[in-house]
Amino acid sequence: MGAFLSKHWFKLVTVVLLAVIVGAIISQLNKPEITKFTLNEKAPDFTLENIDGRQVSLNETDGKVRIVYFFFSFCPDVCLPTTFKLSQVQEILQKKKAFGTKTAFYSISFDPERDTRERLQEYSSYYEPDPEAWFFLRGDSEEAMKDLAYQYKVGVQKDKNGNFMHSNVFALIDKQGNLRHFYLVDDDLKPERIANDMIALSNE
């Protein structure tokens, strides 16, 4: 045995080193991609009407990582697929036992005149939201909702047909109520990336 090791030690060391390198590469490839958070400022609080009639605030979910999304249910283009993407994030977080316990969503309409509670109940039902952690909210007036959207750096402009042109973003808020990131929602934004970011923040 000693003679064998003496003769083949270099090959054995090489094999071990290669195994370590390959293992490190595989581990890196399997490691979830996490956003580098450069933003850290207090998120504006709000208290709005949920589809069950209850008043819901942002700060009541402090201790959880949250997504805030501004939309309107009569949106002819981006809001439906974007809300579906959020439902995909919910599904991933549920599988990881993190939705509701560590994370929550707020979908906020800036069209309270048309987006009644009944309308939002119908709209939300297509996405199978967990009502304990995904809130569909409305305010008292269009102006108040546009002002809140602006506070979240979401631009909103009403067109001649009564619809809204708006920034299509997710605001990511940490457990302490600080804005940490804005996701520009497009086809390249993967639900897995958002879920990984939320879990990473929940572990800070």
N, C-alpha and C. Protein backbone atom coordinates (compact mmCIF):
# COMPACT_ATOMS: atom_id res chain seq x y z
N MET A 1 0.83 -1.20 0.00
CA MET A 1 0.00 0.00 0.00
C MET A 1 0.86 1.25 0.00
N GLY A 2 1.92 1.22 0.83
CA GLY A 2 2.82 2.36 0.89
C GLY A 2 3.50 2.60 -0.44
N ALA A 3 3.89 1.52 -1.08
CA ALA A 3 4.55 1.65 -2.38
C ALA A 3 3.59 2.21 -3.41
N PHE A 4 2.32 1.78 -3.33
CA PHE A 4 1.31 2.28 -4.27
C PHE A 4 1.11 3.78 -4.11
N LEU A 5 0.96 4.22 -2.83
CA LEU A 5 0.78 5.65 -2.56
C LEU A 5 1.99 6.46 -2.98
N SER A 6 3.15 5.90 -2.72
CA SER A 6 4.38 6.59 -3.10
C SER A 6 4.45 6.80 -4.60
N LYS A 7 3.97 5.81 -5.35
CA LYS A 7 4.07 5.85 -6.81
C LYS A 7 2.96 6.70 -7.44
N HIS A 8 1.77 6.69 -6.78
CA HIS A 8 0.62 7.33 -7.44
C HIS A 8 0.06 8.52 -6.65
N TRP A 9 0.81 9.07 -5.70
CA TRP A 9 0.27 10.13 -4.86
C TRP A 9 -0.16 11.35 -5.67
N PHE A 10 0.61 11.66 -6.71
CA PHE A 10 0.28 12.86 -7.50
C PHE A 10 -1.08 12.70 -8.19
N LYS A 11 -1.32 11.50 -8.74
CA LYS A 11 -2.60 11.25 -9.40
C LYS A 11 -3.76 11.32 -8.41
N LEU A 12 -3.53 10.77 -7.21
CA LEU A 12 -4.59 10.78 -6.20
C LEU A 12 -4.92 12.21 -5.76
N VAL A 13 -3.88 13.00 -5.55
CA VAL A 13 -4.09 14.40 -5.15
C VAL A 13 -4.82 15.16 -6.25
N THR A 14 -4.45 14.89 -7.50
CA THR A 14 -5.10 15.56 -8.63
C THR A 14 -6.58 15.21 -8.69
N VAL A 15 -6.90 13.93 -8.50
CA VAL A 15 -8.30 13.50 -8.52
C VAL A 15 -9.10 14.17 -7.41
N VAL A 16 -8.50 14.22 -6.21
CA VAL A 16 -9.19 14.85 -5.08
C VAL A 16 -9.43 16.33 -5.36
N LEU A 17 -8.41 17.01 -5.87
CA LEU A 17 -8.55 18.43 -6.17
C LEU A 17 -9.62 18.68 -7.24
N LEU A 18 -9.64 17.84 -8.25
CA LEU A 18 -10.66 17.97 -9.29
C LEU A 18 -12.06 17.76 -8.72
N ALA A 19 -12.18 16.78 -7.82
CA ALA A 19 -13.48 16.52 -7.20
C ALA A 19 -13.94 17.73 -6.39
N VAL A 20 -13.00 18.35 -5.67
CA VAL A 20 -13.33 19.54 -4.87
C VAL A 20 -13.75 20.69 -5.78
N ILE A 21 -13.03 20.90 -6.88
CA ILE A 21 -13.35 21.98 -7.81
C ILE A 21 -14.70 21.77 -8.46
N VAL A 22 -14.95 20.54 -8.93
CA VAL A 22 -16.24 20.23 -9.56
C VAL A 22 -17.39 20.42 -8.56
N GLY A 23 -17.16 19.98 -7.32
CA GLY A 23 -18.18 20.14 -6.29
C GLY A 23 -18.49 21.61 -6.02
N ALA A 24 -17.43 22.43 -6.01
CA ALA A 24 -17.61 23.86 -5.78
C ALA A 24 -18.38 24.50 -6.92
N ILE A 25 -18.08 24.09 -8.16
CA ILE A 25 -18.79 24.63 -9.32
C ILE A 25 -20.26 24.25 -9.29
N ILE A 26 -20.54 22.98 -8.99
CA ILE A 26 -21.93 22.52 -8.92
C ILE A 26 -22.68 23.26 -7.83
N SER A 27 -22.02 23.44 -6.69
CA SER A 27 -22.64 24.17 -5.58
C SER A 27 -22.96 25.59 -5.97
N GLN A 28 -22.06 26.24 -6.70
CA GLN A 28 -22.26 27.62 -7.13
C GLN A 28 -23.40 27.72 -8.13
N LEU A 29 -23.47 26.72 -9.04
CA LEU A 29 -24.54 26.72 -10.04
C LEU A 29 -25.90 26.52 -9.39
N ASN A 30 -25.94 25.72 -8.33
CA ASN A 30 -27.20 25.44 -7.65
C ASN A 30 -27.59 26.53 -6.65
N LYS A 31 -26.66 27.43 -6.38
CA LYS A 31 -26.93 28.49 -5.41
C LYS A 31 -27.91 29.50 -6.00
N PRO A 32 -29.01 29.81 -5.30
CA PRO A 32 -29.99 30.74 -5.86
C PRO A 32 -29.41 32.14 -6.06
N GLU A 33 -29.81 32.76 -7.17
CA GLU A 33 -29.33 34.10 -7.48
C GLU A 33 -30.07 35.11 -6.61
N ILE A 34 -29.32 35.97 -5.93
CA ILE A 34 -29.89 36.94 -5.02
C ILE A 34 -29.53 38.35 -5.49
N THR A 35 -30.49 39.26 -5.43
CA THR A 35 -30.26 40.64 -5.80
C THR A 35 -29.36 41.33 -4.78
N LYS A 36 -28.48 42.20 -5.26
CA LYS A 36 -27.70 43.05 -4.36
C LYS A 36 -28.54 44.28 -4.04
N PHE A 37 -28.95 44.39 -2.80
CA PHE A 37 -29.84 45.47 -2.40
C PHE A 37 -29.04 46.74 -2.11
N THR A 38 -29.29 47.78 -2.87
CA THR A 38 -28.58 49.05 -2.68
C THR A 38 -29.48 50.12 -2.07
N LEU A 39 -30.78 49.86 -2.05
CA LEU A 39 -31.74 50.83 -1.52
C LEU A 39 -32.09 50.48 -0.08
N ASN A 40 -32.24 51.51 0.75
CA ASN A 40 -32.63 51.27 2.15
C ASN A 40 -33.24 52.56 2.71
N GLU A 41 -34.55 52.73 2.47
CA GLU A 41 -35.24 53.92 2.96
C GLU A 41 -36.63 53.53 3.44
N LYS A 42 -37.16 54.30 4.36
CA LYS A 42 -38.44 53.95 4.98
C LYS A 42 -39.56 53.93 3.95
N ALA A 43 -40.33 52.85 3.96
CA ALA A 43 -41.47 52.74 3.05
C ALA A 43 -42.65 53.52 3.60
N PRO A 44 -43.37 54.26 2.76
CA PRO A 44 -44.56 54.99 3.23
C PRO A 44 -45.61 54.00 3.76
N ASP A 45 -46.15 54.31 4.92
CA ASP A 45 -47.19 53.45 5.49
C ASP A 45 -48.54 53.81 4.86
N PHE A 46 -49.50 52.94 5.00
CA PHE A 46 -50.84 53.18 4.49
C PHE A 46 -51.81 52.31 5.26
N THR A 47 -53.07 52.73 5.27
CA THR A 47 -54.17 51.92 5.80
C THR A 47 -55.29 52.00 4.78
N LEU A 48 -55.65 50.86 4.18
CA LEU A 48 -56.61 50.81 3.09
C LEU A 48 -57.61 49.69 3.31
N GLU A 49 -58.69 49.72 2.51
CA GLU A 49 -59.75 48.73 2.65
C GLU A 49 -59.42 47.46 1.88
N ASN A 50 -59.46 46.34 2.59
CA ASN A 50 -59.25 45.03 1.98
C ASN A 50 -60.58 44.53 1.38
N ILE A 51 -60.51 43.48 0.56
CA ILE A 51 -61.72 42.98 -0.09
C ILE A 51 -62.72 42.37 0.90
N ASP A 52 -62.26 42.07 2.12
CA ASP A 52 -63.19 41.57 3.14
C ASP A 52 -63.78 42.69 3.99
N GLY A 53 -63.45 43.95 3.63
CA GLY A 53 -63.97 45.10 4.36
C GLY A 53 -63.11 45.56 5.51
N ARG A 54 -62.07 44.79 5.82
CA ARG A 54 -61.19 45.14 6.93
C ARG A 54 -60.18 46.20 6.50
N GLN A 55 -59.83 47.08 7.42
CA GLN A 55 -58.78 48.06 7.18
C GLN A 55 -57.42 47.39 7.41
N VAL A 56 -56.56 47.47 6.42
CA VAL A 56 -55.27 46.80 6.47
C VAL A 56 -54.16 47.83 6.30
N SER A 57 -53.14 47.75 7.13
CA SER A 57 -52.01 48.67 7.05
C SER A 57 -50.73 47.91 6.70
N LEU A 58 -49.75 48.67 6.24
CA LEU A 58 -48.45 48.05 5.95
C LEU A 58 -47.76 47.62 7.23
N ASN A 59 -47.79 48.50 8.24
CA ASN A 59 -46.99 48.22 9.43
C ASN A 59 -47.52 47.04 10.26
N GLU A 60 -48.75 46.58 9.98
CA GLU A 60 -49.25 45.43 10.75
C GLU A 60 -48.56 44.14 10.34
N THR A 61 -47.85 44.16 9.22
CA THR A 61 -47.09 42.97 8.81
C THR A 61 -45.59 43.18 9.00
N ASP A 62 -45.20 44.17 9.81
CA ASP A 62 -43.78 44.29 10.15
C ASP A 62 -43.29 42.97 10.73
N GLY A 63 -42.08 42.61 10.37
CA GLY A 63 -41.54 41.31 10.73
C GLY A 63 -41.60 40.34 9.57
N LYS A 64 -42.30 40.75 8.48
CA LYS A 64 -42.36 39.96 7.26
C LYS A 64 -41.79 40.78 6.10
N VAL A 65 -41.28 40.09 5.10
CA VAL A 65 -40.82 40.74 3.88
C VAL A 65 -42.02 40.86 2.94
N ARG A 66 -42.18 42.04 2.32
CA ARG A 66 -43.39 42.30 1.56
C ARG A 66 -43.13 42.81 0.15
N ILE A 67 -44.08 42.51 -0.73
CA ILE A 67 -44.13 43.09 -2.07
C ILE A 67 -45.35 44.01 -2.12
N VAL A 68 -45.16 45.23 -2.63
CA VAL A 68 -46.27 46.15 -2.87
C VAL A 68 -46.37 46.39 -4.38
N TYR A 69 -47.58 46.20 -4.91
CA TYR A 69 -47.80 46.37 -6.35
C TYR A 69 -49.03 47.25 -6.59
N PHE A 70 -48.87 48.31 -7.38
CA PHE A 70 -49.98 49.20 -7.74
C PHE A 70 -50.52 48.79 -9.11
N PHE A 71 -51.85 48.69 -9.21
CA PHE A 71 -52.49 48.18 -10.42
C PHE A 71 -53.91 48.72 -10.50
N PHE A 72 -54.64 48.35 -11.56
CA PHE A 72 -56.09 48.52 -11.58
C PHE A 72 -56.68 47.37 -12.38
N SER A 73 -57.84 46.89 -11.98
CA SER A 73 -58.37 45.63 -12.52
C SER A 73 -58.86 45.74 -13.96
N PHE A 74 -59.16 46.96 -14.42
CA PHE A 74 -59.60 47.16 -15.79
C PHE A 74 -58.44 47.38 -16.75
N CYS A 75 -57.25 47.18 -16.27
CA CYS A 75 -56.03 47.35 -17.06
C CYS A 75 -56.10 46.47 -18.32
N PRO A 76 -55.87 47.05 -19.52
CA PRO A 76 -55.99 46.27 -20.75
C PRO A 76 -54.73 45.49 -21.13
N ASP A 77 -53.65 45.66 -20.37
CA ASP A 77 -52.41 45.00 -20.80
C ASP A 77 -51.61 44.39 -19.65
N VAL A 78 -50.78 45.18 -18.95
CA VAL A 78 -49.73 44.60 -18.10
C VAL A 78 -50.20 44.05 -16.76
N CYS A 79 -51.30 44.57 -16.22
CA CYS A 79 -51.66 44.22 -14.84
C CYS A 79 -52.02 42.74 -14.66
N LEU A 80 -52.72 42.17 -15.64
CA LEU A 80 -53.11 40.76 -15.52
C LEU A 80 -51.91 39.82 -15.51
N PRO A 81 -51.02 39.91 -16.52
CA PRO A 81 -49.86 39.02 -16.48
C PRO A 81 -48.93 39.30 -15.30
N THR A 82 -48.88 40.55 -14.87
CA THR A 82 -48.03 40.87 -13.73
C THR A 82 -48.59 40.28 -12.44
N THR A 83 -49.89 40.35 -12.27
CA THR A 83 -50.52 39.72 -11.09
C THR A 83 -50.35 38.20 -11.15
N PHE A 84 -50.40 37.64 -12.35
CA PHE A 84 -50.15 36.21 -12.49
C PHE A 84 -48.72 35.87 -12.07
N LYS A 85 -47.77 36.72 -12.43
CA LYS A 85 -46.38 36.49 -12.01
C LYS A 85 -46.28 36.51 -10.49
N LEU A 86 -47.03 37.41 -9.87
CA LEU A 86 -47.03 37.47 -8.41
C LEU A 86 -47.63 36.18 -7.82
N SER A 87 -48.63 35.62 -8.49
CA SER A 87 -49.20 34.35 -8.02
C SER A 87 -48.18 33.22 -8.12
N GLN A 88 -47.30 33.29 -9.12
CA GLN A 88 -46.24 32.29 -9.25
C GLN A 88 -45.24 32.42 -8.10
N VAL A 89 -44.94 33.67 -7.71
CA VAL A 89 -44.06 33.89 -6.56
C VAL A 89 -44.71 33.32 -5.30
N GLN A 90 -46.02 33.56 -5.14
CA GLN A 90 -46.74 33.01 -3.99
C GLN A 90 -46.60 31.49 -3.95
N GLU A 91 -46.78 30.84 -5.09
CA GLU A 91 -46.70 29.38 -5.15
C GLU A 91 -45.33 28.87 -4.71
N ILE A 92 -44.27 29.55 -5.16
CA ILE A 92 -42.91 29.15 -4.78
C ILE A 92 -42.71 29.32 -3.27
N LEU A 93 -43.16 30.45 -2.75
CA LEU A 93 -43.01 30.71 -1.32
C LEU A 93 -43.83 29.73 -0.49
N GLN A 94 -44.99 29.35 -0.98
CA GLN A 94 -45.80 28.36 -0.26
C GLN A 94 -45.09 27.02 -0.19
N LYS A 95 -44.46 26.62 -1.28
CA LYS A 95 -43.73 25.36 -1.29
C LYS A 95 -42.56 25.38 -0.32
N LYS A 96 -42.01 26.58 -0.10
CA LYS A 96 -40.89 26.73 0.83
C LYS A 96 -41.35 27.05 2.25
N LYS A 97 -42.65 26.99 2.47
CA LYS A 97 -43.24 27.26 3.79
C LYS A 97 -42.92 28.66 4.29
N ALA A 98 -42.86 29.62 3.34
CA ALA A 98 -42.46 30.98 3.71
C ALA A 98 -43.57 32.00 3.48
N PHE A 99 -44.64 31.63 2.76
CA PHE A 99 -45.69 32.61 2.50
C PHE A 99 -46.64 32.69 3.68
N GLY A 100 -46.85 33.90 4.13
CA GLY A 100 -47.71 34.10 5.31
C GLY A 100 -46.93 34.09 6.60
N THR A 101 -45.98 33.20 6.71
CA THR A 101 -45.15 33.14 7.92
C THR A 101 -44.01 34.15 7.87
N LYS A 102 -43.43 34.32 6.68
CA LYS A 102 -42.28 35.22 6.53
C LYS A 102 -42.50 36.32 5.49
N THR A 103 -43.52 36.15 4.65
CA THR A 103 -43.71 37.08 3.53
C THR A 103 -45.18 37.41 3.34
N ALA A 104 -45.44 38.51 2.62
CA ALA A 104 -46.81 38.93 2.33
C ALA A 104 -46.82 39.83 1.10
N PHE A 105 -48.00 39.93 0.44
CA PHE A 105 -48.18 40.78 -0.74
C PHE A 105 -49.27 41.80 -0.50
N TYR A 106 -49.10 43.00 -1.09
CA TYR A 106 -50.13 44.03 -1.13
C TYR A 106 -50.35 44.44 -2.58
N SER A 107 -51.53 44.18 -3.11
CA SER A 107 -51.91 44.66 -4.43
C SER A 107 -52.88 45.83 -4.23
N ILE A 108 -52.48 47.02 -4.67
CA ILE A 108 -53.22 48.24 -4.36
C ILE A 108 -53.76 48.87 -5.64
N SER A 109 -55.08 49.03 -5.71
CA SER A 109 -55.70 49.65 -6.87
C SER A 109 -55.68 51.17 -6.75
N PHE A 110 -55.32 51.84 -7.85
CA PHE A 110 -55.43 53.30 -7.86
C PHE A 110 -56.67 53.74 -8.65
N ASP A 111 -57.66 52.83 -8.77
CA ASP A 111 -58.91 53.12 -9.47
C ASP A 111 -60.09 52.74 -8.57
N PRO A 112 -60.21 53.40 -7.40
CA PRO A 112 -61.23 52.96 -6.43
C PRO A 112 -62.67 53.15 -6.91
N GLU A 113 -62.88 54.05 -7.86
CA GLU A 113 -64.25 54.27 -8.34
C GLU A 113 -64.78 53.03 -9.03
N ARG A 114 -63.98 52.42 -9.88
CA ARG A 114 -64.41 51.19 -10.58
C ARG A 114 -64.03 49.93 -9.81
N ASP A 115 -62.91 49.98 -9.12
CA ASP A 115 -62.45 48.79 -8.38
C ASP A 115 -63.11 48.76 -7.00
N THR A 116 -64.38 48.38 -7.03
CA THR A 116 -65.11 48.21 -5.77
C THR A 116 -64.62 46.94 -5.07
N ARG A 117 -65.04 46.73 -3.85
CA ARG A 117 -64.68 45.50 -3.15
C ARG A 117 -65.13 44.28 -3.93
N GLU A 118 -66.35 44.35 -4.46
CA GLU A 118 -66.89 43.21 -5.20
C GLU A 118 -66.06 42.93 -6.46
N ARG A 119 -65.69 44.01 -7.14
CA ARG A 119 -64.88 43.85 -8.35
C ARG A 119 -63.51 43.24 -8.01
N LEU A 120 -62.88 43.70 -6.94
CA LEU A 120 -61.57 43.17 -6.56
C LEU A 120 -61.67 41.74 -6.04
N GLN A 121 -62.79 41.41 -5.41
CA GLN A 121 -62.99 40.02 -4.99
C GLN A 121 -63.01 39.10 -6.20
N GLU A 122 -63.73 39.52 -7.24
CA GLU A 122 -63.81 38.72 -8.46
C GLU A 122 -62.44 38.64 -9.15
N TYR A 123 -61.80 39.79 -9.27
CA TYR A 123 -60.49 39.86 -9.93
C TYR A 123 -59.47 38.98 -9.22
N SER A 124 -59.39 39.10 -7.92
CA SER A 124 -58.38 38.36 -7.15
C SER A 124 -58.62 36.87 -7.18
N SER A 125 -59.87 36.45 -7.33
CA SER A 125 -60.19 35.02 -7.25
C SER A 125 -59.51 34.21 -8.35
N TYR A 126 -59.16 34.85 -9.46
CA TYR A 126 -58.50 34.14 -10.56
C TYR A 126 -57.08 33.71 -10.21
N TYR A 127 -56.52 34.30 -9.16
CA TYR A 127 -55.11 34.06 -8.83
C TYR A 127 -54.93 33.23 -7.56
N GLU A 128 -56.03 32.78 -6.98
CA GLU A 128 -56.01 31.92 -5.80
C GLU A 128 -55.09 32.49 -4.70
N PRO A 129 -55.33 33.72 -4.29
CA PRO A 129 -54.48 34.30 -3.25
C PRO A 129 -54.79 33.74 -1.87
N ASP A 130 -53.77 33.61 -1.06
CA ASP A 130 -53.96 33.27 0.34
C ASP A 130 -54.44 34.55 1.05
N PRO A 131 -55.69 34.62 1.50
CA PRO A 131 -56.23 35.86 2.06
C PRO A 131 -55.55 36.32 3.34
N GLU A 132 -54.80 35.41 3.97
CA GLU A 132 -54.10 35.79 5.19
C GLU A 132 -52.82 36.57 4.91
N ALA A 133 -52.34 36.52 3.65
CA ALA A 133 -51.06 37.16 3.37
C ALA A 133 -51.00 37.87 2.02
N TRP A 134 -52.07 37.81 1.24
CA TRP A 134 -52.11 38.58 -0.01
C TRP A 134 -53.36 39.44 0.03
N PHE A 135 -53.16 40.75 0.15
CA PHE A 135 -54.26 41.69 0.33
C PHE A 135 -54.48 42.48 -0.96
N PHE A 136 -55.76 42.58 -1.37
CA PHE A 136 -56.15 43.40 -2.51
C PHE A 136 -56.89 44.61 -1.94
N LEU A 137 -56.29 45.79 -2.09
CA LEU A 137 -56.72 46.96 -1.34
C LEU A 137 -57.20 48.09 -2.25
N ARG A 138 -58.03 48.94 -1.67
CA ARG A 138 -58.52 50.12 -2.36
C ARG A 138 -58.61 51.27 -1.36
N GLY A 139 -58.57 52.49 -1.87
CA GLY A 139 -58.65 53.66 -1.02
C GLY A 139 -59.96 54.41 -1.23
N ASP A 140 -60.03 55.62 -0.66
CA ASP A 140 -61.26 56.40 -0.72
C ASP A 140 -61.38 57.21 -2.00
N SER A 141 -60.25 57.62 -2.57
CA SER A 141 -60.32 58.49 -3.73
C SER A 141 -59.17 58.20 -4.68
N GLU A 142 -59.40 58.53 -5.95
CA GLU A 142 -58.38 58.34 -6.97
C GLU A 142 -57.14 59.19 -6.67
N GLU A 143 -57.36 60.41 -6.25
CA GLU A 143 -56.23 61.31 -5.98
C GLU A 143 -55.36 60.80 -4.84
N ALA A 144 -56.01 60.28 -3.80
CA ALA A 144 -55.25 59.75 -2.66
C ALA A 144 -54.42 58.55 -3.09
N MET A 145 -54.98 57.72 -3.97
CA MET A 145 -54.25 56.53 -4.41
C MET A 145 -53.11 56.90 -5.34
N LYS A 146 -53.32 57.88 -6.20
CA LYS A 146 -52.24 58.35 -7.07
C LYS A 146 -51.11 58.94 -6.23
N ASP A 147 -51.47 59.66 -5.17
CA ASP A 147 -50.46 60.24 -4.30
C ASP A 147 -49.65 59.16 -3.60
N LEU A 148 -50.33 58.11 -3.13
CA LEU A 148 -49.61 57.00 -2.48
C LEU A 148 -48.70 56.31 -3.49
N ALA A 149 -49.19 56.11 -4.71
CA ALA A 149 -48.35 55.49 -5.74
C ALA A 149 -47.11 56.33 -6.00
N TYR A 150 -47.27 57.65 -6.07
CA TYR A 150 -46.11 58.53 -6.29
C TYR A 150 -45.10 58.39 -5.16
N GLN A 151 -45.59 58.21 -3.93
CA GLN A 151 -44.69 58.03 -2.79
C GLN A 151 -43.85 56.76 -2.95
N TYR A 152 -44.39 55.80 -3.68
CA TYR A 152 -43.66 54.57 -3.98
C TYR A 152 -42.94 54.64 -5.34
N LYS A 153 -42.82 55.89 -5.84
CA LYS A 153 -42.11 56.15 -7.10
C LYS A 153 -42.77 55.47 -8.29
N VAL A 154 -44.09 55.31 -8.20
CA VAL A 154 -44.87 54.74 -9.30
C VAL A 154 -45.63 55.87 -9.99
N GLY A 155 -45.31 56.10 -11.25
CA GLY A 155 -46.00 57.14 -12.00
C GLY A 155 -47.36 56.65 -12.49
N VAL A 156 -48.38 57.51 -12.38
CA VAL A 156 -49.74 57.16 -12.80
C VAL A 156 -50.33 58.34 -13.57
N GLN A 157 -50.88 58.07 -14.74
CA GLN A 157 -51.50 59.11 -15.55
C GLN A 157 -52.77 58.57 -16.19
N LYS A 158 -53.89 59.26 -15.98
CA LYS A 158 -55.17 58.82 -16.54
C LYS A 158 -55.29 59.29 -17.98
N ASP A 159 -55.75 58.38 -18.85
CA ASP A 159 -55.91 58.76 -20.25
C ASP A 159 -57.36 59.16 -20.55
N LYS A 160 -57.64 59.53 -21.79
CA LYS A 160 -58.97 60.04 -22.15
C LYS A 160 -60.05 58.97 -22.09
N ASN A 161 -59.64 57.71 -22.06
CA ASN A 161 -60.61 56.60 -21.98
C ASN A 161 -60.91 56.18 -20.54
N GLY A 162 -60.29 56.86 -19.58
CA GLY A 162 -60.53 56.53 -18.18
C GLY A 162 -59.62 55.46 -17.64
N ASN A 163 -58.68 55.00 -18.47
CA ASN A 163 -57.70 54.03 -18.01
C ASN A 163 -56.43 54.75 -17.55
N PHE A 164 -55.51 53.97 -17.02
CA PHE A 164 -54.31 54.55 -16.43
C PHE A 164 -53.05 54.01 -17.11
N MET A 165 -52.17 54.92 -17.45
CA MET A 165 -50.82 54.53 -17.81
C MET A 165 -50.00 54.61 -16.53
N HIS A 166 -49.19 53.59 -16.27
CA HIS A 166 -48.50 53.57 -14.98
C HIS A 166 -47.21 52.77 -15.05
N SER A 167 -46.32 53.07 -14.13
CA SER A 167 -45.11 52.27 -13.98
C SER A 167 -45.50 50.88 -13.50
N ASN A 168 -44.86 49.89 -14.07
CA ASN A 168 -45.20 48.51 -13.69
C ASN A 168 -44.05 47.92 -12.89
N VAL A 169 -44.11 48.11 -11.58
CA VAL A 169 -43.00 47.69 -10.72
C VAL A 169 -43.52 47.00 -9.47
N PHE A 170 -42.68 46.14 -8.90
CA PHE A 170 -42.88 45.60 -7.55
C PHE A 170 -41.94 46.35 -6.61
N ALA A 171 -42.46 46.80 -5.50
CA ALA A 171 -41.62 47.38 -4.45
C ALA A 171 -41.36 46.30 -3.40
N LEU A 172 -40.09 46.08 -3.08
CA LEU A 172 -39.70 45.07 -2.10
C LEU A 172 -39.40 45.76 -0.77
N ILE A 173 -40.06 45.32 0.28
CA ILE A 173 -39.95 45.95 1.60
C ILE A 173 -39.50 44.91 2.62
N ASP A 174 -38.51 45.27 3.42
CA ASP A 174 -37.97 44.30 4.37
C ASP A 174 -38.77 44.23 5.66
N LYS A 175 -38.30 43.44 6.60
CA LYS A 175 -39.04 43.18 7.85
C LYS A 175 -39.20 44.43 8.70
N GLN A 176 -38.28 45.38 8.54
CA GLN A 176 -38.32 46.60 9.34
C GLN A 176 -39.13 47.71 8.68
N GLY A 177 -39.70 47.43 7.50
CA GLY A 177 -40.49 48.44 6.81
C GLY A 177 -39.68 49.36 5.93
N ASN A 178 -38.52 48.89 5.47
CA ASN A 178 -37.67 49.69 4.60
C ASN A 178 -37.76 49.21 3.15
N LEU A 179 -37.86 50.16 2.23
CA LEU A 179 -37.78 49.85 0.81
C LEU A 179 -36.37 49.40 0.47
N ARG A 180 -36.25 48.22 -0.14
CA ARG A 180 -34.93 47.69 -0.44
C ARG A 180 -34.65 47.53 -1.93
N HIS A 181 -35.75 47.44 -2.74
CA HIS A 181 -35.52 47.23 -4.17
C HIS A 181 -36.81 47.49 -4.93
N PHE A 182 -36.66 47.93 -6.20
CA PHE A 182 -37.78 48.01 -7.13
C PHE A 182 -37.50 47.06 -8.30
N TYR A 183 -38.44 46.18 -8.56
CA TYR A 183 -38.33 45.28 -9.72
C TYR A 183 -39.12 45.89 -10.87
N LEU A 184 -38.47 46.12 -11.99
CA LEU A 184 -39.19 46.48 -13.21
C LEU A 184 -39.74 45.18 -13.79
N VAL A 185 -41.05 45.05 -13.82
CA VAL A 185 -41.67 43.78 -14.18
C VAL A 185 -41.73 43.64 -15.70
N ASP A 186 -41.01 42.66 -16.21
CA ASP A 186 -41.05 42.32 -17.63
C ASP A 186 -40.90 40.81 -17.77
N ASP A 187 -40.80 40.35 -19.00
CA ASP A 187 -40.73 38.90 -19.24
C ASP A 187 -39.47 38.27 -18.65
N ASP A 188 -38.41 39.07 -18.49
CA ASP A 188 -37.14 38.53 -17.99
C ASP A 188 -37.10 38.38 -16.48
N LEU A 189 -38.05 38.99 -15.79
CA LEU A 189 -38.07 38.91 -14.33
C LEU A 189 -38.66 37.57 -13.92
N LYS A 190 -37.84 36.73 -13.31
CA LYS A 190 -38.26 35.38 -12.94
C LYS A 190 -38.89 35.35 -11.54
N PRO A 191 -40.00 34.65 -11.38
CA PRO A 191 -40.60 34.52 -10.05
C PRO A 191 -39.64 33.93 -9.03
N GLU A 192 -38.78 33.01 -9.46
CA GLU A 192 -37.81 32.39 -8.55
C GLU A 192 -36.87 33.44 -7.96
N ARG A 193 -36.48 34.42 -8.77
CA ARG A 193 -35.58 35.47 -8.30
C ARG A 193 -36.23 36.27 -7.17
N ILE A 194 -37.50 36.63 -7.36
CA ILE A 194 -38.20 37.41 -6.34
C ILE A 194 -38.35 36.59 -5.07
N ALA A 195 -38.75 35.33 -5.21
CA ALA A 195 -38.93 34.47 -4.03
C ALA A 195 -37.61 34.30 -3.29
N ASN A 196 -36.52 34.10 -4.01
CA ASN A 196 -35.21 33.95 -3.37
C ASN A 196 -34.81 35.22 -2.62
N ASP A 197 -35.09 36.37 -3.22
CA ASP A 197 -34.79 37.65 -2.56
C ASP A 197 -35.59 37.81 -1.28
N MET A 198 -36.86 37.46 -1.32
CA MET A 198 -37.71 37.62 -0.14
C MET A 198 -37.25 36.71 0.98
N ILE A 199 -36.89 35.49 0.65
CA ILE A 199 -36.40 34.57 1.67
C ILE A 199 -35.07 35.05 2.24
N ALA A 200 -34.20 35.55 1.36
CA ALA A 200 -32.91 36.06 1.83
C ALA A 200 -33.11 37.22 2.80
N LEU A 201 -34.02 38.13 2.47
CA LEU A 201 -34.29 39.26 3.38
C LEU A 201 -34.92 38.81 4.67
N SER A 202 -35.75 37.77 4.60
CA SER A 202 -36.40 37.29 5.83
C SER A 202 -35.40 36.68 6.79
N ASN A 203 -34.24 36.29 6.28
CA ASN A 203 -33.20 35.69 7.11
C ASN A 203 -32.17 36.70 7.60
N GLU A 204 -32.33 37.96 7.23
CA GLU A 204 -31.38 38.98 7.69
C GLU A 204 -31.53 39.22 9.19
